[in-house]
Amino acid sequence: MRKRSPGVFFVICGPSGAGKTTLLNRLRKRFPDLHYVPSYTSRPPRSAAERRAGRYHFVSLEEFQRLIRQRAFLEYAQYAGNYYGTVRALVNDHLRAGRDVIKEADVQGMHQLRRHRLSGRLVGIFILPPSLDALEQRLNQRGTEDPEAQRRRLSAALDELGELHLFDYVVINRHLRESLERLSAVVHIERARRE
């Protein structure tokens, strides 16, 4: 009996408002065997719906700091006074079992992930909006942040453009359907490389 190949760890990054969460959710519907790993965060949930959505595992600041001391994270970052991170065991257990994993991370997290030895292959995908104007419009339409927070996000988006070398693929999200097809092609290509 042939030993099963390790899984692929797909990491989707991009600025807030680029559409990465929408694309990730649609990609998971198309590939239900992609195992989603939620981020741990010390941030309180914004709503009951966010808590139920399963994108985050909410813990206290003290618990997050304890996990940092225990070196439980593959990557973690602090943003706007809150911590976000990816638990090592959750990812590596799936990869060792030959299951593919998908999650969101930021550029700082991707830097950290590139320094780790994983149980499978890491594939970074960066989602870009078609323009900064489009990004600003999307952030305005969300209506979840004040103007100062939006300015910080736009500034961060510009900084992230200098880090595209960390990624294996870049998808410009002009039209959701086309972007989903491109992401699906990445999954097929990377799975074929494993076999």
N, C-alpha and C. Protein backbone atom coordinates (compact mmCIF):
# COMPACT_ATOMS: atom_id res chain seq x y z
N MET A 1 0.84 -1.19 0.00
CA MET A 1 0.00 0.00 0.00
C MET A 1 0.88 1.25 0.00
N ARG A 2 0.60 2.17 -0.92
CA ARG A 2 1.40 3.39 -1.05
C ARG A 2 1.07 4.38 0.06
N LYS A 3 2.12 4.96 0.63
CA LYS A 3 1.93 5.94 1.68
C LYS A 3 1.30 7.21 1.09
N ARG A 4 0.36 7.77 1.81
CA ARG A 4 -0.32 8.98 1.34
C ARG A 4 0.61 10.18 1.41
N SER A 5 0.61 10.98 0.33
CA SER A 5 1.44 12.20 0.29
C SER A 5 0.90 13.21 1.28
N PRO A 6 1.79 14.05 1.84
CA PRO A 6 1.30 15.10 2.74
C PRO A 6 0.38 16.07 2.00
N GLY A 7 -0.46 16.73 2.75
CA GLY A 7 -1.39 17.69 2.17
C GLY A 7 -0.70 18.99 1.77
N VAL A 8 -1.48 19.84 1.12
CA VAL A 8 -1.02 21.16 0.69
C VAL A 8 -1.67 22.20 1.60
N PHE A 9 -0.88 23.16 2.04
CA PHE A 9 -1.38 24.24 2.90
C PHE A 9 -1.54 25.48 2.04
N PHE A 10 -2.79 25.78 1.66
CA PHE A 10 -3.11 26.96 0.87
C PHE A 10 -3.36 28.14 1.81
N VAL A 11 -2.61 29.21 1.65
CA VAL A 11 -2.77 30.39 2.48
C VAL A 11 -3.16 31.56 1.59
N ILE A 12 -4.31 32.15 1.89
CA ILE A 12 -4.83 33.27 1.11
C ILE A 12 -4.61 34.56 1.89
N CYS A 13 -3.97 35.52 1.23
CA CYS A 13 -3.68 36.81 1.82
C CYS A 13 -4.21 37.91 0.91
N GLY A 14 -4.26 39.10 1.45
CA GLY A 14 -4.64 40.26 0.66
C GLY A 14 -5.18 41.34 1.58
N PRO A 15 -5.25 42.54 1.07
CA PRO A 15 -5.75 43.63 1.91
C PRO A 15 -7.23 43.47 2.24
N SER A 16 -7.65 44.05 3.36
CA SER A 16 -9.08 44.08 3.71
C SER A 16 -9.83 44.75 2.58
N GLY A 17 -10.90 44.12 2.14
CA GLY A 17 -11.70 44.69 1.07
C GLY A 17 -11.36 44.13 -0.30
N ALA A 18 -10.31 43.28 -0.39
CA ALA A 18 -9.94 42.70 -1.69
C ALA A 18 -10.89 41.59 -2.12
N GLY A 19 -11.65 41.05 -1.15
CA GLY A 19 -12.60 39.98 -1.47
C GLY A 19 -12.10 38.60 -1.10
N LYS A 20 -11.02 38.51 -0.31
CA LYS A 20 -10.44 37.20 -0.01
C LYS A 20 -11.37 36.30 0.78
N THR A 21 -12.13 36.86 1.72
CA THR A 21 -13.02 36.02 2.52
C THR A 21 -14.15 35.46 1.67
N THR A 22 -14.73 36.28 0.81
CA THR A 22 -15.79 35.81 -0.08
C THR A 22 -15.25 34.72 -0.99
N LEU A 23 -14.06 34.95 -1.57
CA LEU A 23 -13.47 33.95 -2.45
C LEU A 23 -13.15 32.66 -1.69
N LEU A 24 -12.60 32.79 -0.50
CA LEU A 24 -12.27 31.61 0.29
C LEU A 24 -13.53 30.80 0.60
N ASN A 25 -14.61 31.46 0.97
CA ASN A 25 -15.86 30.75 1.28
C ASN A 25 -16.40 30.03 0.06
N ARG A 26 -16.34 30.66 -1.09
CA ARG A 26 -16.83 30.02 -2.32
C ARG A 26 -15.93 28.87 -2.75
N LEU A 27 -14.63 29.04 -2.55
CA LEU A 27 -13.69 27.98 -2.88
C LEU A 27 -13.93 26.76 -1.99
N ARG A 28 -14.23 27.00 -0.73
CA ARG A 28 -14.51 25.88 0.19
C ARG A 28 -15.78 25.15 -0.20
N LYS A 29 -16.77 25.87 -0.74
CA LYS A 29 -17.98 25.19 -1.22
C LYS A 29 -17.67 24.33 -2.44
N ARG A 30 -16.79 24.83 -3.29
CA ARG A 30 -16.41 24.08 -4.49
C ARG A 30 -15.54 22.88 -4.15
N PHE A 31 -14.71 23.01 -3.12
CA PHE A 31 -13.80 21.94 -2.68
C PHE A 31 -14.08 21.65 -1.20
N PRO A 32 -15.15 20.90 -0.92
CA PRO A 32 -15.50 20.67 0.49
C PRO A 32 -14.45 19.87 1.27
N ASP A 33 -13.51 19.25 0.56
CA ASP A 33 -12.46 18.50 1.25
C ASP A 33 -11.28 19.38 1.66
N LEU A 34 -11.32 20.67 1.36
CA LEU A 34 -10.31 21.60 1.88
C LEU A 34 -10.65 21.87 3.34
N HIS A 35 -9.72 21.61 4.21
CA HIS A 35 -9.97 21.78 5.65
C HIS A 35 -9.61 23.20 6.06
N TYR A 36 -10.60 23.91 6.56
CA TYR A 36 -10.39 25.29 7.00
C TYR A 36 -9.88 25.30 8.43
N VAL A 37 -8.81 26.06 8.66
CA VAL A 37 -8.26 26.21 10.01
C VAL A 37 -8.54 27.63 10.47
N PRO A 38 -9.37 27.80 11.48
CA PRO A 38 -9.66 29.16 11.96
C PRO A 38 -8.45 29.78 12.64
N SER A 39 -8.39 31.09 12.60
CA SER A 39 -7.36 31.83 13.32
C SER A 39 -7.79 31.98 14.78
N TYR A 40 -6.83 31.87 15.67
CA TYR A 40 -7.08 32.23 17.07
C TYR A 40 -6.94 33.74 17.16
N THR A 41 -7.77 34.37 17.96
CA THR A 41 -7.65 35.81 18.16
C THR A 41 -8.01 36.20 19.58
N SER A 42 -7.34 37.25 20.03
CA SER A 42 -7.68 37.82 21.35
C SER A 42 -8.74 38.90 21.21
N ARG A 43 -9.16 39.20 19.98
CA ARG A 43 -10.19 40.21 19.74
C ARG A 43 -11.56 39.65 20.10
N PRO A 44 -12.40 40.45 20.73
CA PRO A 44 -13.76 39.97 20.99
C PRO A 44 -14.55 39.90 19.69
N PRO A 45 -15.52 39.01 19.60
CA PRO A 45 -16.33 38.94 18.37
C PRO A 45 -17.11 40.22 18.15
N ARG A 46 -17.25 40.60 16.87
CA ARG A 46 -18.00 41.81 16.54
C ARG A 46 -19.51 41.58 16.64
N SER A 47 -19.91 40.31 16.52
CA SER A 47 -21.34 39.99 16.58
C SER A 47 -21.50 38.50 16.89
N ALA A 48 -22.71 38.12 17.23
CA ALA A 48 -23.01 36.70 17.47
C ALA A 48 -22.83 35.92 16.17
N ALA A 49 -23.17 36.55 15.05
CA ALA A 49 -23.02 35.89 13.75
C ALA A 49 -21.54 35.60 13.46
N GLU A 50 -20.66 36.53 13.82
CA GLU A 50 -19.24 36.30 13.60
C GLU A 50 -18.75 35.14 14.46
N ARG A 51 -19.23 35.04 15.67
CA ARG A 51 -18.84 33.93 16.54
C ARG A 51 -19.27 32.60 15.93
N ARG A 52 -20.49 32.57 15.38
CA ARG A 52 -21.02 31.33 14.79
C ARG A 52 -20.34 30.98 13.47
N ALA A 53 -19.81 31.97 12.76
CA ALA A 53 -19.25 31.74 11.42
C ALA A 53 -18.04 30.80 11.44
N GLY A 54 -17.31 30.74 12.53
CA GLY A 54 -16.20 29.81 12.64
C GLY A 54 -14.90 30.25 12.00
N ARG A 55 -14.79 31.52 11.59
CA ARG A 55 -13.54 32.01 11.02
C ARG A 55 -12.48 32.22 12.10
N TYR A 56 -12.94 32.48 13.32
CA TYR A 56 -12.03 32.76 14.42
C TYR A 56 -12.36 31.89 15.62
N HIS A 57 -11.32 31.59 16.36
CA HIS A 57 -11.47 30.96 17.67
C HIS A 57 -11.11 32.05 18.67
N PHE A 58 -12.10 32.54 19.38
CA PHE A 58 -11.91 33.69 20.28
C PHE A 58 -11.40 33.23 21.64
N VAL A 59 -10.27 33.81 22.06
CA VAL A 59 -9.69 33.49 23.36
C VAL A 59 -9.32 34.79 24.05
N SER A 60 -9.09 34.71 25.34
CA SER A 60 -8.67 35.91 26.09
C SER A 60 -7.23 36.27 25.72
N LEU A 61 -6.85 37.50 26.02
CA LEU A 61 -5.48 37.94 25.81
C LEU A 61 -4.51 37.07 26.60
N GLU A 62 -4.88 36.73 27.83
CA GLU A 62 -4.03 35.90 28.68
C GLU A 62 -3.82 34.51 28.06
N GLU A 63 -4.91 33.92 27.52
CA GLU A 63 -4.81 32.61 26.88
C GLU A 63 -3.92 32.68 25.64
N PHE A 64 -4.08 33.74 24.84
CA PHE A 64 -3.27 33.88 23.64
C PHE A 64 -1.79 33.99 24.02
N GLN A 65 -1.48 34.79 25.02
CA GLN A 65 -0.09 34.96 25.45
C GLN A 65 0.49 33.65 26.00
N ARG A 66 -0.36 32.87 26.66
CA ARG A 66 0.09 31.55 27.15
C ARG A 66 0.46 30.66 25.96
N LEU A 67 -0.35 30.68 24.90
CA LEU A 67 -0.07 29.88 23.71
C LEU A 67 1.21 30.35 23.01
N ILE A 68 1.47 31.65 23.02
CA ILE A 68 2.73 32.17 22.47
C ILE A 68 3.91 31.59 23.24
N ARG A 69 3.83 31.64 24.57
CA ARG A 69 4.92 31.12 25.40
C ARG A 69 5.14 29.62 25.16
N GLN A 70 4.07 28.90 24.86
CA GLN A 70 4.17 27.46 24.61
C GLN A 70 4.60 27.15 23.17
N ARG A 71 4.84 28.19 22.38
CA ARG A 71 5.21 28.04 20.96
C ARG A 71 4.18 27.23 20.19
N ALA A 72 2.92 27.49 20.48
CA ALA A 72 1.83 26.76 19.84
C ALA A 72 1.50 27.28 18.45
N PHE A 73 1.99 28.47 18.10
CA PHE A 73 1.61 29.09 16.83
C PHE A 73 2.66 28.89 15.74
N LEU A 74 2.19 28.61 14.53
CA LEU A 74 3.05 28.66 13.35
C LEU A 74 3.36 30.11 13.03
N GLU A 75 2.36 30.94 13.20
CA GLU A 75 2.51 32.38 12.96
C GLU A 75 1.51 33.11 13.84
N TYR A 76 1.90 34.32 14.22
CA TYR A 76 0.94 35.18 14.91
C TYR A 76 1.36 36.62 14.69
N ALA A 77 0.39 37.51 14.84
CA ALA A 77 0.66 38.93 14.63
C ALA A 77 -0.26 39.72 15.55
N GLN A 78 0.13 40.96 15.77
CA GLN A 78 -0.71 41.87 16.52
C GLN A 78 -1.16 42.97 15.58
N TYR A 79 -2.46 43.24 15.57
CA TYR A 79 -3.01 44.29 14.73
C TYR A 79 -4.05 45.05 15.54
N ALA A 80 -3.93 46.35 15.58
CA ALA A 80 -4.86 47.22 16.29
C ALA A 80 -5.09 46.75 17.73
N GLY A 81 -4.01 46.30 18.37
CA GLY A 81 -4.08 45.92 19.77
C GLY A 81 -4.58 44.51 20.04
N ASN A 82 -4.89 43.76 18.99
CA ASN A 82 -5.38 42.38 19.14
C ASN A 82 -4.43 41.42 18.45
N TYR A 83 -4.35 40.21 19.00
CA TYR A 83 -3.50 39.16 18.42
C TYR A 83 -4.33 38.24 17.53
N TYR A 84 -3.65 37.74 16.49
CA TYR A 84 -4.23 36.75 15.57
C TYR A 84 -3.16 35.71 15.30
N GLY A 85 -3.53 34.43 15.23
CA GLY A 85 -2.50 33.42 14.99
C GLY A 85 -3.05 32.10 14.49
N THR A 86 -2.14 31.26 13.99
CA THR A 86 -2.45 29.94 13.45
C THR A 86 -1.79 28.89 14.32
N VAL A 87 -2.60 28.00 14.87
CA VAL A 87 -2.08 26.97 15.76
C VAL A 87 -1.40 25.87 14.95
N ARG A 88 -0.15 25.59 15.30
CA ARG A 88 0.70 24.63 14.60
C ARG A 88 0.06 23.24 14.50
N ALA A 89 -0.42 22.70 15.61
CA ALA A 89 -0.93 21.33 15.62
C ALA A 89 -2.14 21.16 14.70
N LEU A 90 -3.02 22.17 14.64
CA LEU A 90 -4.20 22.07 13.79
C LEU A 90 -3.82 21.89 12.33
N VAL A 91 -2.79 22.61 11.89
CA VAL A 91 -2.36 22.53 10.49
C VAL A 91 -1.59 21.24 10.23
N ASN A 92 -0.58 20.98 11.03
CA ASN A 92 0.29 19.83 10.76
C ASN A 92 -0.43 18.49 10.87
N ASP A 93 -1.40 18.37 11.77
CA ASP A 93 -2.15 17.11 11.87
C ASP A 93 -2.87 16.81 10.56
N HIS A 94 -3.51 17.81 9.97
CA HIS A 94 -4.20 17.61 8.69
C HIS A 94 -3.20 17.28 7.58
N LEU A 95 -2.10 18.05 7.50
CA LEU A 95 -1.13 17.85 6.43
C LEU A 95 -0.50 16.46 6.49
N ARG A 96 -0.14 16.01 7.68
CA ARG A 96 0.44 14.68 7.83
C ARG A 96 -0.51 13.58 7.39
N ALA A 97 -1.81 13.82 7.60
CA ALA A 97 -2.82 12.83 7.20
C ALA A 97 -3.15 12.91 5.71
N GLY A 98 -2.47 13.81 4.98
CA GLY A 98 -2.71 13.92 3.55
C GLY A 98 -3.87 14.81 3.18
N ARG A 99 -4.39 15.55 4.15
CA ARG A 99 -5.52 16.45 3.89
C ARG A 99 -5.01 17.85 3.58
N ASP A 100 -5.64 18.49 2.60
CA ASP A 100 -5.28 19.86 2.24
C ASP A 100 -5.96 20.83 3.19
N VAL A 101 -5.24 21.91 3.49
CA VAL A 101 -5.69 22.91 4.45
C VAL A 101 -5.75 24.26 3.75
N ILE A 102 -6.72 25.08 4.16
CA ILE A 102 -6.81 26.44 3.64
C ILE A 102 -7.10 27.40 4.78
N LYS A 103 -6.52 28.56 4.71
CA LYS A 103 -6.80 29.60 5.70
C LYS A 103 -6.36 30.95 5.18
N GLU A 104 -6.81 31.98 5.87
CA GLU A 104 -6.38 33.35 5.59
C GLU A 104 -5.24 33.71 6.53
N ALA A 105 -4.37 34.57 6.07
CA ALA A 105 -3.32 35.14 6.92
C ALA A 105 -2.96 36.51 6.36
N ASP A 106 -2.19 37.26 7.12
CA ASP A 106 -1.70 38.53 6.59
C ASP A 106 -0.26 38.35 6.14
N VAL A 107 0.31 39.39 5.57
CA VAL A 107 1.67 39.31 5.02
C VAL A 107 2.68 38.99 6.13
N GLN A 108 2.51 39.60 7.28
CA GLN A 108 3.40 39.32 8.41
C GLN A 108 3.36 37.83 8.75
N GLY A 109 2.15 37.26 8.75
CA GLY A 109 2.02 35.83 9.01
C GLY A 109 2.68 34.98 7.93
N MET A 110 2.57 35.42 6.68
CA MET A 110 3.19 34.67 5.59
C MET A 110 4.71 34.67 5.73
N HIS A 111 5.29 35.78 6.16
CA HIS A 111 6.74 35.81 6.43
C HIS A 111 7.10 34.72 7.43
N GLN A 112 6.33 34.61 8.50
CA GLN A 112 6.62 33.61 9.53
C GLN A 112 6.42 32.20 9.00
N LEU A 113 5.36 31.98 8.23
CA LEU A 113 5.10 30.64 7.69
C LEU A 113 6.21 30.18 6.77
N ARG A 114 6.77 31.09 6.00
CA ARG A 114 7.86 30.73 5.07
C ARG A 114 9.11 30.26 5.83
N ARG A 115 9.24 30.60 7.10
CA ARG A 115 10.41 30.20 7.89
C ARG A 115 10.23 28.84 8.56
N HIS A 116 9.02 28.30 8.54
CA HIS A 116 8.75 27.03 9.24
C HIS A 116 8.84 25.84 8.31
N ARG A 117 9.24 24.73 8.89
CA ARG A 117 9.12 23.45 8.19
C ARG A 117 7.72 22.93 8.51
N LEU A 118 6.98 22.64 7.46
CA LEU A 118 5.62 22.13 7.63
C LEU A 118 5.58 20.66 7.23
N SER A 119 4.51 20.01 7.60
CA SER A 119 4.34 18.61 7.23
C SER A 119 3.91 18.46 5.78
N GLY A 120 3.59 19.53 5.10
CA GLY A 120 3.20 19.52 3.69
C GLY A 120 3.73 20.77 3.01
N ARG A 121 3.33 20.97 1.76
CA ARG A 121 3.81 22.12 0.98
C ARG A 121 2.94 23.34 1.24
N LEU A 122 3.60 24.50 1.35
CA LEU A 122 2.93 25.77 1.56
C LEU A 122 2.75 26.47 0.21
N VAL A 123 1.52 26.90 -0.08
CA VAL A 123 1.21 27.62 -1.32
C VAL A 123 0.54 28.93 -0.93
N GLY A 124 1.23 30.04 -1.21
CA GLY A 124 0.69 31.36 -0.88
C GLY A 124 -0.01 31.98 -2.08
N ILE A 125 -1.21 32.51 -1.83
CA ILE A 125 -2.02 33.15 -2.88
C ILE A 125 -2.39 34.54 -2.38
N PHE A 126 -2.03 35.56 -3.16
CA PHE A 126 -2.33 36.94 -2.78
C PHE A 126 -3.48 37.44 -3.64
N ILE A 127 -4.53 37.96 -3.00
CA ILE A 127 -5.69 38.51 -3.70
C ILE A 127 -5.56 40.03 -3.72
N LEU A 128 -5.60 40.58 -4.93
CA LEU A 128 -5.52 42.02 -5.10
C LEU A 128 -6.84 42.58 -5.62
N PRO A 129 -7.22 43.76 -5.17
CA PRO A 129 -8.35 44.44 -5.81
C PRO A 129 -7.88 44.98 -7.16
N PRO A 130 -8.79 45.31 -8.07
CA PRO A 130 -8.37 45.83 -9.37
C PRO A 130 -7.66 47.18 -9.28
N SER A 131 -7.91 47.96 -8.23
CA SER A 131 -7.26 49.26 -8.06
C SER A 131 -7.43 49.72 -6.62
N LEU A 132 -6.68 50.74 -6.23
CA LEU A 132 -6.86 51.30 -4.89
C LEU A 132 -8.21 51.99 -4.76
N ASP A 133 -8.69 52.60 -5.85
CA ASP A 133 -10.02 53.22 -5.81
C ASP A 133 -11.09 52.17 -5.53
N ALA A 134 -10.96 51.01 -6.19
CA ALA A 134 -11.93 49.93 -5.97
C ALA A 134 -11.85 49.44 -4.52
N LEU A 135 -10.64 49.35 -4.00
CA LEU A 135 -10.47 48.92 -2.61
C LEU A 135 -11.14 49.92 -1.66
N GLU A 136 -10.92 51.20 -1.90
CA GLU A 136 -11.53 52.23 -1.05
C GLU A 136 -13.06 52.15 -1.11
N GLN A 137 -13.61 51.95 -2.29
CA GLN A 137 -15.07 51.81 -2.43
C GLN A 137 -15.58 50.61 -1.65
N ARG A 138 -14.87 49.48 -1.75
CA ARG A 138 -15.30 48.27 -1.04
C ARG A 138 -15.27 48.48 0.47
N LEU A 139 -14.23 49.15 0.96
CA LEU A 139 -14.15 49.42 2.40
C LEU A 139 -15.29 50.34 2.84
N ASN A 140 -15.62 51.34 2.02
CA ASN A 140 -16.74 52.24 2.33
C ASN A 140 -18.06 51.48 2.37
N GLN A 141 -18.26 50.57 1.41
CA GLN A 141 -19.51 49.82 1.34
C GLN A 141 -19.70 48.90 2.54
N ARG A 142 -18.59 48.38 3.07
CA ARG A 142 -18.70 47.51 4.25
C ARG A 142 -19.25 48.27 5.44
N GLY A 143 -18.84 49.53 5.59
CA GLY A 143 -19.33 50.35 6.68
C GLY A 143 -19.00 49.85 8.06
N THR A 144 -17.93 49.07 8.19
CA THR A 144 -17.59 48.50 9.50
C THR A 144 -16.52 49.29 10.24
N GLU A 145 -15.91 50.28 9.56
CA GLU A 145 -14.81 51.00 10.19
C GLU A 145 -14.94 52.49 9.97
N ASP A 146 -14.32 53.25 10.87
CA ASP A 146 -14.32 54.71 10.73
C ASP A 146 -13.29 55.12 9.67
N PRO A 147 -13.33 56.38 9.21
CA PRO A 147 -12.40 56.83 8.15
C PRO A 147 -10.93 56.63 8.49
N GLU A 148 -10.55 56.82 9.75
CA GLU A 148 -9.14 56.64 10.13
C GLU A 148 -8.72 55.18 9.96
N ALA A 149 -9.56 54.25 10.36
CA ALA A 149 -9.26 52.82 10.20
C ALA A 149 -9.16 52.47 8.72
N GLN A 150 -10.03 53.06 7.90
CA GLN A 150 -9.96 52.82 6.46
C GLN A 150 -8.64 53.34 5.88
N ARG A 151 -8.20 54.51 6.32
CA ARG A 151 -6.92 55.05 5.84
C ARG A 151 -5.76 54.13 6.22
N ARG A 152 -5.81 53.58 7.44
CA ARG A 152 -4.76 52.64 7.86
C ARG A 152 -4.76 51.41 6.97
N ARG A 153 -5.94 50.92 6.63
CA ARG A 153 -6.04 49.72 5.79
C ARG A 153 -5.52 50.00 4.38
N LEU A 154 -5.82 51.17 3.83
CA LEU A 154 -5.31 51.52 2.50
C LEU A 154 -3.79 51.65 2.52
N SER A 155 -3.26 52.25 3.56
CA SER A 155 -1.81 52.38 3.70
C SER A 155 -1.16 51.00 3.81
N ALA A 156 -1.77 50.12 4.59
CA ALA A 156 -1.24 48.75 4.74
C ALA A 156 -1.27 48.02 3.40
N ALA A 157 -2.33 48.24 2.61
CA ALA A 157 -2.43 47.60 1.29
C ALA A 157 -1.25 48.01 0.41
N LEU A 158 -0.88 49.27 0.43
CA LEU A 158 0.26 49.73 -0.36
C LEU A 158 1.55 49.07 0.11
N ASP A 159 1.73 48.96 1.41
CA ASP A 159 2.92 48.30 1.95
C ASP A 159 2.99 46.83 1.52
N GLU A 160 1.83 46.16 1.49
CA GLU A 160 1.79 44.74 1.15
C GLU A 160 2.23 44.48 -0.29
N LEU A 161 2.05 45.45 -1.18
CA LEU A 161 2.46 45.26 -2.57
C LEU A 161 3.96 44.98 -2.69
N GLY A 162 4.73 45.48 -1.75
CA GLY A 162 6.17 45.22 -1.75
C GLY A 162 6.55 43.82 -1.29
N GLU A 163 5.56 43.04 -0.89
CA GLU A 163 5.84 41.69 -0.36
C GLU A 163 5.30 40.58 -1.26
N LEU A 164 4.99 40.90 -2.49
CA LEU A 164 4.41 39.89 -3.38
C LEU A 164 5.36 38.73 -3.67
N HIS A 165 6.66 38.93 -3.45
CA HIS A 165 7.64 37.86 -3.67
C HIS A 165 7.41 36.65 -2.75
N LEU A 166 6.66 36.85 -1.67
CA LEU A 166 6.37 35.75 -0.74
C LEU A 166 5.36 34.76 -1.29
N PHE A 167 4.67 35.14 -2.36
CA PHE A 167 3.51 34.37 -2.83
C PHE A 167 3.80 33.63 -4.13
N ASP A 168 3.14 32.47 -4.25
CA ASP A 168 3.27 31.64 -5.44
C ASP A 168 2.33 32.10 -6.55
N TYR A 169 1.21 32.69 -6.16
CA TYR A 169 0.20 33.14 -7.12
C TYR A 169 -0.36 34.48 -6.68
N VAL A 170 -0.73 35.31 -7.67
CA VAL A 170 -1.43 36.56 -7.42
C VAL A 170 -2.70 36.53 -8.27
N VAL A 171 -3.84 36.78 -7.64
CA VAL A 171 -5.13 36.83 -8.34
C VAL A 171 -5.70 38.23 -8.17
N ILE A 172 -5.95 38.90 -9.29
CA ILE A 172 -6.58 40.22 -9.25
C ILE A 172 -8.09 40.00 -9.31
N ASN A 173 -8.76 40.41 -8.26
CA ASN A 173 -10.19 40.14 -8.10
C ASN A 173 -11.03 41.25 -8.74
N ARG A 174 -11.13 41.20 -10.07
CA ARG A 174 -11.99 42.15 -10.79
C ARG A 174 -13.43 41.67 -10.77
N HIS A 175 -13.61 40.39 -11.13
CA HIS A 175 -14.94 39.78 -11.19
C HIS A 175 -14.89 38.49 -10.38
N LEU A 176 -15.80 38.37 -9.45
CA LEU A 176 -15.79 37.26 -8.50
C LEU A 176 -15.75 35.89 -9.20
N ARG A 177 -16.58 35.71 -10.21
CA ARG A 177 -16.65 34.40 -10.88
C ARG A 177 -15.31 34.03 -11.52
N GLU A 178 -14.69 35.00 -12.21
CA GLU A 178 -13.39 34.73 -12.85
C GLU A 178 -12.32 34.45 -11.80
N SER A 179 -12.33 35.20 -10.72
CA SER A 179 -11.35 35.00 -9.65
C SER A 179 -11.51 33.63 -9.02
N LEU A 180 -12.75 33.19 -8.84
CA LEU A 180 -12.99 31.87 -8.28
C LEU A 180 -12.46 30.79 -9.22
N GLU A 181 -12.62 30.98 -10.52
CA GLU A 181 -12.09 30.01 -11.49
C GLU A 181 -10.57 29.95 -11.40
N ARG A 182 -9.93 31.09 -11.25
CA ARG A 182 -8.47 31.11 -11.14
C ARG A 182 -8.00 30.41 -9.86
N LEU A 183 -8.68 30.68 -8.77
CA LEU A 183 -8.33 30.00 -7.51
C LEU A 183 -8.54 28.49 -7.62
N SER A 184 -9.62 28.09 -8.26
CA SER A 184 -9.88 26.66 -8.46
C SER A 184 -8.78 26.02 -9.27
N ALA A 185 -8.30 26.74 -10.29
CA ALA A 185 -7.20 26.22 -11.12
C ALA A 185 -5.94 26.03 -10.27
N VAL A 186 -5.69 26.96 -9.35
CA VAL A 186 -4.52 26.83 -8.46
C VAL A 186 -4.64 25.56 -7.63
N VAL A 187 -5.81 25.30 -7.08
CA VAL A 187 -6.00 24.08 -6.28
C VAL A 187 -5.74 22.84 -7.12
N HIS A 188 -6.30 22.80 -8.33
CA HIS A 188 -6.09 21.64 -9.21
C HIS A 188 -4.61 21.47 -9.57
N ILE A 189 -3.94 22.55 -9.91
CA ILE A 189 -2.51 22.49 -10.28
C ILE A 189 -1.68 21.96 -9.11
N GLU A 190 -1.90 22.52 -7.93
CA GLU A 190 -1.08 22.12 -6.77
C GLU A 190 -1.38 20.70 -6.31
N ARG A 191 -2.61 20.27 -6.46
CA ARG A 191 -2.94 18.88 -6.13
C ARG A 191 -2.29 17.92 -7.14
N ALA A 192 -2.28 18.33 -8.40
CA ALA A 192 -1.65 17.49 -9.42
C ALA A 192 -0.14 17.37 -9.19
N ARG A 193 0.49 18.43 -8.71
CA ARG A 193 1.92 18.40 -8.43
C ARG A 193 2.26 17.40 -7.31
N ARG A 194 1.32 17.19 -6.41
CA ARG A 194 1.56 16.30 -5.27
C ARG A 194 1.58 14.85 -5.72
N GLU A 195 0.85 14.52 -6.78
CA GLU A 195 0.67 13.11 -7.16
C GLU A 195 1.78 12.56 -8.00
